[in-house]
Amino acid sequence: MGGMVRTPLTPAERERGERLGRLLREARGGRSMTVIAAAAGVSAETLRKIETGRAPTPAFFTVAALADALGLSMDRLAVACEPAPLPAVTLPATA
């Protein structure tokens, strides 16, 4: 039986997943994870995994449904999930 092999996530993908999870957790506030998950049509375990960064690359439609259930705009989510800018590289001066 062959299973699907997942490629390891890059540090940037993990960090983006953590930012997404943090944004969703903050937007949920004091509301029950179960209630929000049900409103989005996903399991509470799926929401838990996304919020904790254990599912850092959820499907687009899952994210869209959670955003709708939480009253978040897709624009706000997109900004939160943009890749972090690369550090500036200083090149040595040439004479």
Protein backbone atom coordinates (compact mmCIF):
# COMPACT_ATOMS: atom_id res chain seq x y z
CA MET A 1 0.00 0.00 0.00
CA GLY A 2 1.55 3.26 -1.07
CA GLY A 3 0.72 6.35 0.91
CA MET A 4 1.04 9.92 -0.10
CA VAL A 5 4.35 11.36 1.04
CA ARG A 6 4.19 14.96 2.20
CA THR A 7 7.16 17.14 1.57
CA PRO A 8 8.44 18.84 4.70
CA LEU A 9 7.22 22.38 5.22
CA THR A 10 9.67 25.20 4.87
CA PRO A 11 10.23 27.49 7.86
CA ALA A 12 8.33 30.20 5.95
CA GLU A 13 5.32 27.91 5.45
CA ARG A 14 5.31 26.98 9.14
CA GLU A 15 5.55 30.64 10.15
CA ARG A 16 2.70 31.58 7.78
CA GLY A 17 0.58 28.77 9.29
CA GLU A 18 1.29 30.11 12.78
CA ARG A 19 0.24 33.64 11.70
CA LEU A 20 -2.99 32.28 10.21
CA GLY A 21 -3.73 30.31 13.36
CA ARG A 22 -3.07 33.34 15.57
CA LEU A 23 -5.39 35.53 13.46
CA LEU A 24 -8.19 32.96 13.56
CA ARG A 25 -7.77 32.45 17.33
CA GLU A 26 -7.87 36.21 17.95
CA ALA A 27 -10.94 36.63 15.70
CA ARG A 28 -12.72 33.79 17.51
CA GLY A 29 -12.15 35.53 20.84
CA GLY A 30 -14.31 33.97 23.54
CA ARG A 31 -16.54 32.11 21.10
CA SER A 32 -16.52 28.34 21.28
CA MET A 33 -14.26 26.49 18.87
CA THR A 34 -17.09 23.98 18.35
CA VAL A 35 -19.61 26.68 17.41
CA ILE A 36 -17.26 28.40 14.94
CA ALA A 37 -16.17 25.09 13.40
CA ALA A 38 -19.80 24.02 12.94
CA ALA A 39 -20.69 27.39 11.37
CA ALA A 40 -17.81 26.93 8.92
CA GLY A 41 -18.70 23.29 8.18
CA VAL A 42 -15.41 21.89 9.50
CA SER A 43 -14.63 19.74 12.51
CA ALA A 44 -13.51 21.30 15.77
CA GLU A 45 -10.33 19.20 15.45
CA THR A 46 -9.59 20.78 12.05
CA LEU A 47 -10.02 24.25 13.53
CA ARG A 48 -7.84 23.29 16.50
CA LYS A 49 -5.08 22.06 14.18
CA ILE A 50 -5.19 25.25 12.11
CA GLU A 51 -5.22 27.52 15.17
CA THR A 52 -2.26 25.71 16.73
CA GLY A 53 -0.23 25.63 13.50
CA ARG A 54 -0.37 21.82 13.22
CA ALA A 55 -2.22 22.22 9.89
CA PRO A 56 -0.25 25.15 8.44
CA THR A 57 -1.49 24.75 4.86
CA PRO A 58 -5.28 24.29 5.07
CA ALA A 59 -7.37 24.18 1.92
CA PHE A 60 -8.48 27.55 0.56
CA PHE A 61 -12.17 26.72 0.95
CA THR A 62 -11.62 25.76 4.59
CA VAL A 63 -9.97 29.10 5.27
CA ALA A 64 -12.70 30.96 3.35
CA ALA A 65 -15.44 29.20 5.36
CA LEU A 66 -13.70 29.97 8.66
CA ALA A 67 -13.20 33.60 7.64
CA ASP A 68 -16.91 33.87 6.84
CA ALA A 69 -17.91 32.27 10.16
CA LEU A 70 -15.61 34.69 12.01
CA GLY A 71 -16.57 37.80 10.03
CA LEU A 72 -13.03 38.23 8.68
CA SER A 73 -12.44 39.60 5.20
CA MET A 74 -10.38 37.54 2.80
CA ASP A 75 -8.25 40.66 2.27
CA ARG A 76 -7.32 40.69 5.96
CA LEU A 77 -6.46 37.00 5.85
CA ALA A 78 -4.39 37.46 2.70
CA VAL A 79 -2.35 40.21 4.34
CA ALA A 80 -1.82 38.09 7.46
CA CYS A 81 -0.69 35.13 5.38
CA GLU A 82 1.63 36.92 2.97
CA PRO A 83 5.11 35.50 2.97
CA ALA A 84 7.44 37.35 5.30
CA PRO A 85 9.74 39.71 3.41
CA LEU A 86 13.20 38.39 2.80
CA PRO A 87 15.92 40.02 4.85
CA ALA A 88 17.82 42.75 3.06
CA VAL A 89 21.17 41.71 1.71
CA THR A 90 24.01 44.20 1.86
CA LEU A 91 26.52 43.72 -0.89
CA PRO A 92 30.11 44.79 -0.39
CA ALA A 93 31.02 48.04 -2.05
CA THR A 94 33.19 47.72 -5.12
CA ALA A 95 35.93 50.22 -5.81
